[in-house]
C-alpha atoms as a PDB file:
ATOM      1  CA  MET A   1       8.021 157.825  23.712  1.00  0.00           C
ATOM      2  CA  ALA A   2       4.796 160.116  24.405  1.00  0.00           C
ATOM      3  CA  THR A   3       1.529 158.842  22.700  1.00  0.00           C
ATOM      4  CA  LEU A   4       1.384 161.381  19.087  1.00  0.00           C
ATOM      5  CA  THR A   5      -1.172 163.533  18.868  1.00  0.00           C
ATOM      6  CA  THR A   6      -0.874 166.055  16.142  1.00  0.00           C
ATOM      7  CA  PHE A   7       0.244 165.106  11.930  1.00  0.00           C
ATOM      8  CA  LEU A   8       1.720 167.646  10.465  1.00  0.00           C
ATOM      9  CA  PHE A   9       2.208 166.514   6.749  1.00  0.00           C
ATOM     10  CA  ASP A  10       4.341 168.366   3.656  1.00  0.00           C
ATOM     11  CA  LEU A  11       2.071 167.912   0.133  1.00  0.00           C
ATOM     12  CA  ASP A  12       4.120 167.937  -2.365  1.00  0.00           C
ATOM     13  CA  GLY A  13       5.530 164.177  -2.748  1.00  0.00           C
ATOM     14  CA  THR A  14       4.889 163.254   0.300  1.00  0.00           C
ATOM     15  CA  ILE A  15       0.817 163.556  -0.247  1.00  0.00           C
ATOM     16  CA  LEU A  16       0.620 163.973  -3.773  1.00  0.00           C
ATOM     17  CA  ASP A  17       2.444 162.358  -6.319  1.00  0.00           C
ATOM     18  CA  SER A  18       3.794 165.671  -8.005  1.00  0.00           C
ATOM     19  CA  ILE A  19       7.301 165.478  -8.699  1.00  0.00           C
ATOM     20  CA  GLY A  20       6.940 164.636 -12.348  1.00  0.00           C
ATOM     21  CA  HIS A  21       4.604 167.586 -12.719  1.00  0.00           C
ATOM     22  CA  ILE A  22       7.275 170.576 -11.453  1.00  0.00           C
ATOM     23  CA  LEU A  23       9.855 169.266 -12.962  1.00  0.00           C
ATOM     24  CA  ASP A  24       7.685 169.454 -16.393  1.00  0.00           C
ATOM     25  CA  SER A  25       6.766 173.199 -14.964  1.00  0.00           C
ATOM     26  CA  TYR A  26      10.559 174.230 -14.448  1.00  0.00           C
ATOM     27  CA  ARG A  27      11.670 172.837 -18.125  1.00  0.00           C
ATOM     28  CA  HIS A  28       8.639 174.435 -19.696  1.00  0.00           C
ATOM     29  CA  THR A  29       8.969 178.155 -18.042  1.00  0.00           C
ATOM     30  CA  PHE A  30      13.133 177.933 -18.822  1.00  0.00           C
ATOM     31  CA  ALA A  31      11.909 176.736 -22.782  1.00  0.00           C
ATOM     32  CA  VAL A  32       9.517 179.948 -23.079  1.00  0.00           C
ATOM     33  CA  HIS A  33      12.229 182.163 -21.642  1.00  0.00           C
ATOM     34  CA  GLY A  34      15.333 181.758 -23.617  1.00  0.00           C
ATOM     35  CA  LEU A  35      17.023 179.858 -20.728  1.00  0.00           C
ATOM     36  CA  PRO A  36      19.025 177.033 -20.881  1.00  0.00           C
ATOM     37  CA  PRO A  37      17.118 174.150 -18.133  1.00  0.00           C
ATOM     38  CA  ALA A  38      18.546 173.760 -15.267  1.00  0.00           C
ATOM     39  CA  PRO A  39      20.181 170.095 -14.067  1.00  0.00           C
ATOM     40  CA  GLU A  40      16.898 167.710 -13.316  1.00  0.00           C
ATOM     41  CA  GLU A  41      18.974 166.862  -9.947  1.00  0.00           C
ATOM     42  CA  GLU A  42      19.195 170.143  -8.482  1.00  0.00           C
ATOM     43  CA  LEU A  43      15.139 171.003  -9.418  1.00  0.00           C
ATOM     44  CA  VAL A  44      14.555 167.529  -7.635  1.00  0.00           C
ATOM     45  CA  ARG A  45      17.168 168.775  -4.505  1.00  0.00           C
ATOM     46  CA  GLY A  46      15.703 172.146  -4.175  1.00  0.00           C
ATOM     47  CA  ILE A  47      11.597 170.128  -3.928  1.00  0.00           C
ATOM     48  CA  GLY A  48      10.229 170.911  -0.727  1.00  0.00           C
ATOM     49  CA  THR A  49      11.850 175.131  -1.131  1.00  0.00           C
ATOM     50  CA  PRO A  50       9.624 177.754  -1.750  1.00  0.00           C
ATOM     51  CA  LEU A  51       8.688 178.728  -5.709  1.00  0.00           C
ATOM     52  CA  ARG A  52      10.383 181.549  -5.839  1.00  0.00           C
ATOM     53  CA  SER A  53      13.927 180.359  -5.096  1.00  0.00           C
ATOM     54  CA  GLN A  54      13.935 178.153  -7.048  1.00  0.00           C
ATOM     55  CA  LEU A  55      13.705 179.867  -9.755  1.00  0.00           C
ATOM     56  CA  ALA A  56      15.907 182.747  -7.364  1.00  0.00           C
ATOM     57  CA  LYS A  57      18.970 180.887  -9.012  1.00  0.00           C
ATOM     58  CA  GLN A  58      18.141 181.592 -12.989  1.00  0.00           C
ATOM     59  CA  ALA A  59      17.592 185.470 -12.480  1.00  0.00           C
ATOM     60  CA  SER A  60      19.350 187.504 -10.458  1.00  0.00           C
ATOM     61  CA  ASP A  61      16.927 190.601 -12.285  1.00  0.00           C
ATOM     62  CA  PRO A  62      14.010 190.521 -10.649  1.00  0.00           C
ATOM     63  CA  ALA A  63      11.346 191.501 -13.490  1.00  0.00           C
ATOM     64  CA  LEU A  64      12.753 188.345 -15.331  1.00  0.00           C
ATOM     65  CA  LEU A  65      11.748 186.888 -11.669  1.00  0.00           C
ATOM     66  CA  ASP A  66       8.750 188.132 -11.153  1.00  0.00           C
ATOM     67  CA  ALA A  67       7.856 186.659 -15.062  1.00  0.00           C
ATOM     68  CA  LEU A  68       9.860 183.793 -14.022  1.00  0.00           C
ATOM     69  CA  VAL A  69       7.200 182.802 -11.232  1.00  0.00           C
ATOM     70  CA  ALA A  70       4.439 183.590 -13.020  1.00  0.00           C
ATOM     71  CA  THR A  71       4.971 181.528 -16.395  1.00  0.00           C
ATOM     72  CA  TYR A  72       5.177 178.352 -13.640  1.00  0.00           C
ATOM     73  CA  ARG A  73       2.248 178.902 -12.249  1.00  0.00           C
ATOM     74  CA  GLU A  74       0.504 179.870 -15.308  1.00  0.00           C
ATOM     75  CA  TYR A  75       0.729 176.187 -16.883  1.00  0.00           C
ATOM     76  CA  ASN A  76       1.874 174.467 -13.151  1.00  0.00           C
ATOM     77  CA  LEU A  77      -1.869 175.667 -12.420  1.00  0.00           C
ATOM     78  CA  LYS A  78      -2.987 175.131 -16.023  1.00  0.00           C
ATOM     79  CA  TYR A  79      -2.434 170.941 -15.818  1.00  0.00           C
ATOM     80  CA  HIS A  80      -2.956 171.058 -11.991  1.00  0.00           C
ATOM     81  CA  ASP A  81      -5.426 168.764 -11.708  1.00  0.00           C
ATOM     82  CA  GLU A  82      -4.537 166.045 -14.399  1.00  0.00           C
ATOM     83  CA  ARG A  83      -1.555 165.499 -14.047  1.00  0.00           C
ATOM     84  CA  ILE A  84      -1.268 165.109 -10.565  1.00  0.00           C
ATOM     85  CA  PHE A  85      -3.075 162.322  -7.851  1.00  0.00           C
ATOM     86  CA  PRO A  86      -2.422 161.408  -4.740  1.00  0.00           C
ATOM     87  CA  TYR A  87       0.048 158.539  -3.126  1.00  0.00           C
ATOM     88  CA  PRO A  88      -1.557 155.517  -2.922  1.00  0.00           C
ATOM     89  CA  GLY A  89      -2.831 155.176   0.452  1.00  0.00           C
ATOM     90  CA  VAL A  90      -1.876 158.308   1.808  1.00  0.00           C
ATOM     91  CA  VAL A  91      -5.828 159.320   1.827  1.00  0.00           C
ATOM     92  CA  GLU A  92      -6.808 156.604   3.436  1.00  0.00           C
ATOM     93  CA  ALA A  93      -4.072 156.763   6.304  1.00  0.00           C
ATOM     94  CA  ILE A  94      -4.783 160.377   6.745  1.00  0.00           C
ATOM     95  CA  ARG A  95      -8.292 159.103   7.788  1.00  0.00           C
ATOM     96  CA  ALA A  96      -7.593 156.739   9.841  1.00  0.00           C
ATOM     97  CA  ILE A  97      -5.877 159.088  11.788  1.00  0.00           C
ATOM     98  CA  ARG A  98      -8.426 162.096  12.324  1.00  0.00           C
ATOM     99  CA  ALA A  99     -10.564 159.145  12.555  1.00  0.00           C
ATOM    100  CA  ALA A 100      -8.331 157.832  15.794  1.00  0.00           C
ATOM    101  CA  GLY A 101      -8.847 161.789  17.135  1.00  0.00           C
ATOM    102  CA  ARG A 102      -5.733 163.313  16.166  1.00  0.00           C
ATOM    103  CA  ARG A 103      -4.890 166.596  15.138  1.00  0.00           C
ATOM    104  CA  THR A 104      -3.743 167.360  11.465  1.00  0.00           C
ATOM    105  CA  GLY A 105      -1.965 169.936   9.838  1.00  0.00           C
ATOM    106  CA  LEU A 106      -0.441 171.114   6.022  1.00  0.00           C
ATOM    107  CA  VAL A 107       3.008 172.624   6.334  1.00  0.00           C
ATOM    108  CA  THR A 108       4.391 173.348   2.666  1.00  0.00           C
ATOM    109  CA  SER A 109       5.960 175.334   0.534  1.00  0.00           C
ATOM    110  CA  LYS A 110       3.680 175.901  -2.277  1.00  0.00           C
ATOM    111  CA  ASN A 111       1.297 178.695  -0.869  1.00  0.00           C
ATOM    112  CA  ARG A 112      -1.955 178.558   0.270  1.00  0.00           C
ATOM    113  CA  GLN A 113      -3.724 178.873  -3.176  1.00  0.00           C
ATOM    114  CA  GLY A 114      -2.464 176.172  -4.016  1.00  0.00           C
ATOM    115  CA  ALA A 115      -1.971 174.125  -1.406  1.00  0.00           C
ATOM    116  CA  LEU A 116      -5.575 174.106  -0.464  1.00  0.00           C
ATOM    117  CA  ARG A 117      -5.573 173.535  -3.815  1.00  0.00           C
ATOM    118  CA  GLY A 118      -3.661 170.036  -3.980  1.00  0.00           C
ATOM    119  CA  LEU A 119      -6.039 169.335  -0.228  1.00  0.00           C
ATOM    120  CA  GLN A 120      -8.566 169.878  -2.059  1.00  0.00           C
ATOM    121  CA  LEU A 121      -7.514 167.030  -5.562  1.00  0.00           C
ATOM    122  CA  ALA A 122      -7.352 164.581  -3.130  1.00  0.00           C
ATOM    123  CA  GLY A 123     -10.581 164.897  -1.150  1.00  0.00           C
ATOM    124  CA  LEU A 124      -8.141 166.344   2.092  1.00  0.00           C
ATOM    125  CA  GLN A 125      -9.700 169.767   2.318  1.00  0.00           C
ATOM    126  CA  TYR A 126     -11.569 168.705   5.660  1.00  0.00           C
ATOM    127  CA  GLU A 127      -9.194 166.408   6.892  1.00  0.00           C
ATOM    128  CA  ILE A 128      -6.569 169.103   7.545  1.00  0.00           C
ATOM    129  CA  ASP A 129      -7.586 171.371  10.661  1.00  0.00           C
ATOM    130  CA  VAL A 130      -4.525 173.747   9.832  1.00  0.00           C
ATOM    131  CA  VAL A 131      -2.295 174.845   6.382  1.00  0.00           C
ATOM    132  CA  VAL A 132       0.359 177.019   6.673  1.00  0.00           C
ATOM    133  CA  GLY A 133       1.796 177.796   3.052  1.00  0.00           C
ATOM    134  CA  CYS A 134       5.225 179.557   2.106  1.00  0.00           C
ATOM    135  CA  ASP A 135       3.066 182.728   1.963  1.00  0.00           C
ATOM    136  CA  GLU A 136       2.386 183.232   5.522  1.00  0.00           C
ATOM    137  CA  VAL A 137       5.816 182.564   7.009  1.00  0.00           C
ATOM    138  CA  GLU A 138       9.165 185.282   7.142  1.00  0.00           C
ATOM    139  CA  ASN A 139      10.954 182.475   6.857  1.00  0.00           C
ATOM    140  CA  PRO A 140       9.942 179.538   4.518  1.00  0.00           C
ATOM    141  CA  LYS A 141      11.547 175.305   5.648  1.00  0.00           C
ATOM    142  CA  PRO A 142      13.913 174.217   6.145  1.00  0.00           C
ATOM    143  CA  HIS A 143      13.580 176.980   8.628  1.00  0.00           C
ATOM    144  CA  ARG A 144      11.194 176.594  11.577  1.00  0.00           C
ATOM    145  CA  GLU A 145       8.877 178.524  12.033  1.00  0.00           C
ATOM    146  CA  PRO A 146       6.272 177.170   9.367  1.00  0.00           C
ATOM    147  CA  VAL A 147       5.952 173.901  11.638  1.00  0.00           C
ATOM    148  CA  ASP A 148       6.068 175.903  15.007  1.00  0.00           C
ATOM    149  CA  LYS A 149       3.387 178.016  13.577  1.00  0.00           C
ATOM    150  CA  ALA A 150       1.483 174.720  12.439  1.00  0.00           C
ATOM    151  CA  VAL A 151       2.338 173.696  16.474  1.00  0.00           C
ATOM    152  CA  ALA A 152       1.124 177.066  17.693  1.00  0.00           C
ATOM    153  CA  LEU A 153      -2.425 177.724  15.536  1.00  0.00           C
ATOM    154  CA  LEU A 154      -3.319 174.372  16.549  1.00  0.00           C
ATOM    155  CA  GLY A 155      -2.997 174.543  20.269  1.00  0.00           C
ATOM    156  CA  ALA A 156       0.061 170.855  19.535  1.00  0.00           C
ATOM    157  CA  ASP A 157       2.995 169.961  22.168  1.00  0.00           C
ATOM    158  CA  PRO A 158       6.025 169.626  19.998  1.00  0.00           C
ATOM    159  CA  ALA A 159       7.013 166.513  22.324  1.00  0.00           C
ATOM    160  CA  THR A 160       3.842 164.742  20.615  1.00  0.00           C
ATOM    161  CA  THR A 161       3.629 165.950  17.259  1.00  0.00           C
ATOM    162  CA  VAL A 162       5.458 164.554  14.625  1.00  0.00           C
ATOM    163  CA  TYR A 163       5.947 166.157  11.141  1.00  0.00           C
ATOM    164  CA  VAL A 164       5.804 164.046   8.454  1.00  0.00           C
ATOM    165  CA  GLY A 165       7.677 164.827   4.403  1.00  0.00           C
ATOM    166  CA  ASP A 166       9.586 163.175   1.811  1.00  0.00           C
ATOM    167  CA  SER A 167      13.139 165.887   1.732  1.00  0.00           C
ATOM    168  CA  VAL A 168      16.403 166.703   3.748  1.00  0.00           C
ATOM    169  CA  HIS A 169      13.626 170.244   4.294  1.00  0.00           C
ATOM    170  CA  ASP A 170      11.313 168.588   5.468  1.00  0.00           C
ATOM    171  CA  MET A 171      13.551 166.591   8.169  1.00  0.00           C
ATOM    172  CA  ARG A 172      15.708 170.037   8.974  1.00  0.00           C
ATOM    173  CA  CYS A 173      11.978 171.926   9.259  1.00  0.00           C
ATOM    174  CA  GLY A 174      10.797 168.994  12.202  1.00  0.00           C
ATOM    175  CA  ARG A 175      13.999 168.728  13.750  1.00  0.00           C
ATOM    176  CA  ALA A 176      14.636 172.133  14.282  1.00  0.00           C
ATOM    177  CA  ALA A 177      10.884 172.985  15.226  1.00  0.00           C
ATOM    178  CA  GLY A 178      11.673 170.182  18.219  1.00  0.00           C
ATOM    179  CA  VAL A 179       8.995 167.442  16.789  1.00  0.00           C
ATOM    180  CA  ARG A 180       9.813 164.706  15.622  1.00  0.00           C
ATOM    181  CA  THR A 181      10.568 163.382  12.494  1.00  0.00           C
ATOM    182  CA  ALA A 182       9.080 160.772   9.920  1.00  0.00           C
ATOM    183  CA  ALA A 183      10.494 160.105   6.748  1.00  0.00           C
ATOM    184  CA  ALA A 184       8.042 159.210   3.357  1.00  0.00           C
ATOM    185  CA  LEU A 185      10.697 157.562   1.655  1.00  0.00           C
ATOM    186  CA  TRP A 186       7.727 156.840  -1.460  1.00  0.00           C
ATOM    187  CA  GLY A 187       8.300 160.429  -2.644  1.00  0.00           C
ATOM    188  CA  PRO A 188      11.737 160.687  -4.908  1.00  0.00           C
ATOM    189  CA  PHE A 189      14.048 161.157  -1.889  1.00  0.00           C
ATOM    190  CA  THR A 190      15.689 157.647  -0.976  1.00  0.00           C
ATOM    191  CA  ARG A 191      16.897 156.118   2.469  1.00  0.00           C
ATOM    192  CA  GLY A 192      20.475 157.663   1.710  1.00  0.00           C
ATOM    193  CA  ASP A 193      19.197 160.902   0.546  1.00  0.00           C
ATOM    194  CA  LEU A 194      17.372 161.397   4.200  1.00  0.00           C
ATOM    195  CA  ALA A 195      19.924 158.921   6.369  1.00  0.00           C
ATOM    196  CA  PRO A 196      22.286 162.655   7.565  1.00  0.00           C
ATOM    197  CA  THR A 197      18.968 164.585   8.571  1.00  0.00           C
ATOM    198  CA  GLU A 198      18.681 161.769  11.359  1.00  0.00           C
ATOM    199  CA  PRO A 199      14.345 160.705  10.821  1.00  0.00           C
ATOM    200  CA  ASP A 200      12.484 159.279  14.090  1.00  0.00           C
ATOM    201  CA  TYR A 201      11.296 156.667  12.547  1.00  0.00           C
ATOM    202  CA  TRP A 202      11.086 155.186   8.756  1.00  0.00           C
ATOM    203  CA  LEU A 203       8.263 155.331   6.484  1.00  0.00           C
ATOM    204  CA  GLU A 204       8.203 152.860   3.310  1.00  0.00           C
ATOM    205  CA  ARG A 205       4.523 153.192   2.114  1.00  0.00           C
ATOM    206  CA  PRO A 206       1.518 155.074   3.342  1.00  0.00           C
ATOM    207  CA  ALA A 207      -0.059 152.398   5.719  1.00  0.00           C
ATOM    208  CA  ASP A 208       2.902 152.996   8.177  1.00  0.00           C
ATOM    209  CA  LEU A 209       1.182 155.828   9.125  1.00  0.00           C
ATOM    210  CA  LEU A 210      -0.583 153.793  11.181  1.00  0.00           C
ATOM    211  CA  ARG A 211       2.315 152.886  13.011  1.00  0.00           C
ATOM    212  CA  LEU A 212       2.796 155.606  14.790  1.00  0.00           C
ATOM    213  CA  LEU A 213      -0.496 155.581  16.479  1.00  0.00           C
ATOM    214  CA  ALA A 214       0.599 152.721  18.579  1.00  0.00           C
END
């Protein structure tokens, strides 16, 4: 295989340990609007897809959907900086990748504003060359468009690009875009969950990212 020159990363569940806060934000939103709580397993499976598409399962009325999104975002942002942390070792690994001369990008199902806030919280705002949020594409993950856009912005070669993520949506997005895929197993999903997507690399811990520099 050719040397990897470009590293794309998912955000929630890959860089940031934010899953607990995401689920708490959903529970708060459903309670505020008097809706029955969605099964946690269903919510976890949807992580990695845009918020609006997740909440649309609970609201067919557009006005209610808008209200759910607003409630979720207000609560999530209010407690964002005190309840979300980068996974141990992730920041150091990404800085080492940049120090090795590799280009970097963030491909996330958060909107751009939320993604930039997350990067700043992790201290990575200067380590990521480009950001592609769900509000900057017509077709979010698992469609290939977000990774395609990041590759184009970086002027990268898909054959020497890897997308690092924790969900099946990440793996399918990267595979469809023709880049290599690396499954991060420190997030909420297990090897069994991700095995059907056939990732090119398995990463047990953030330090394993450095093996991809070889």
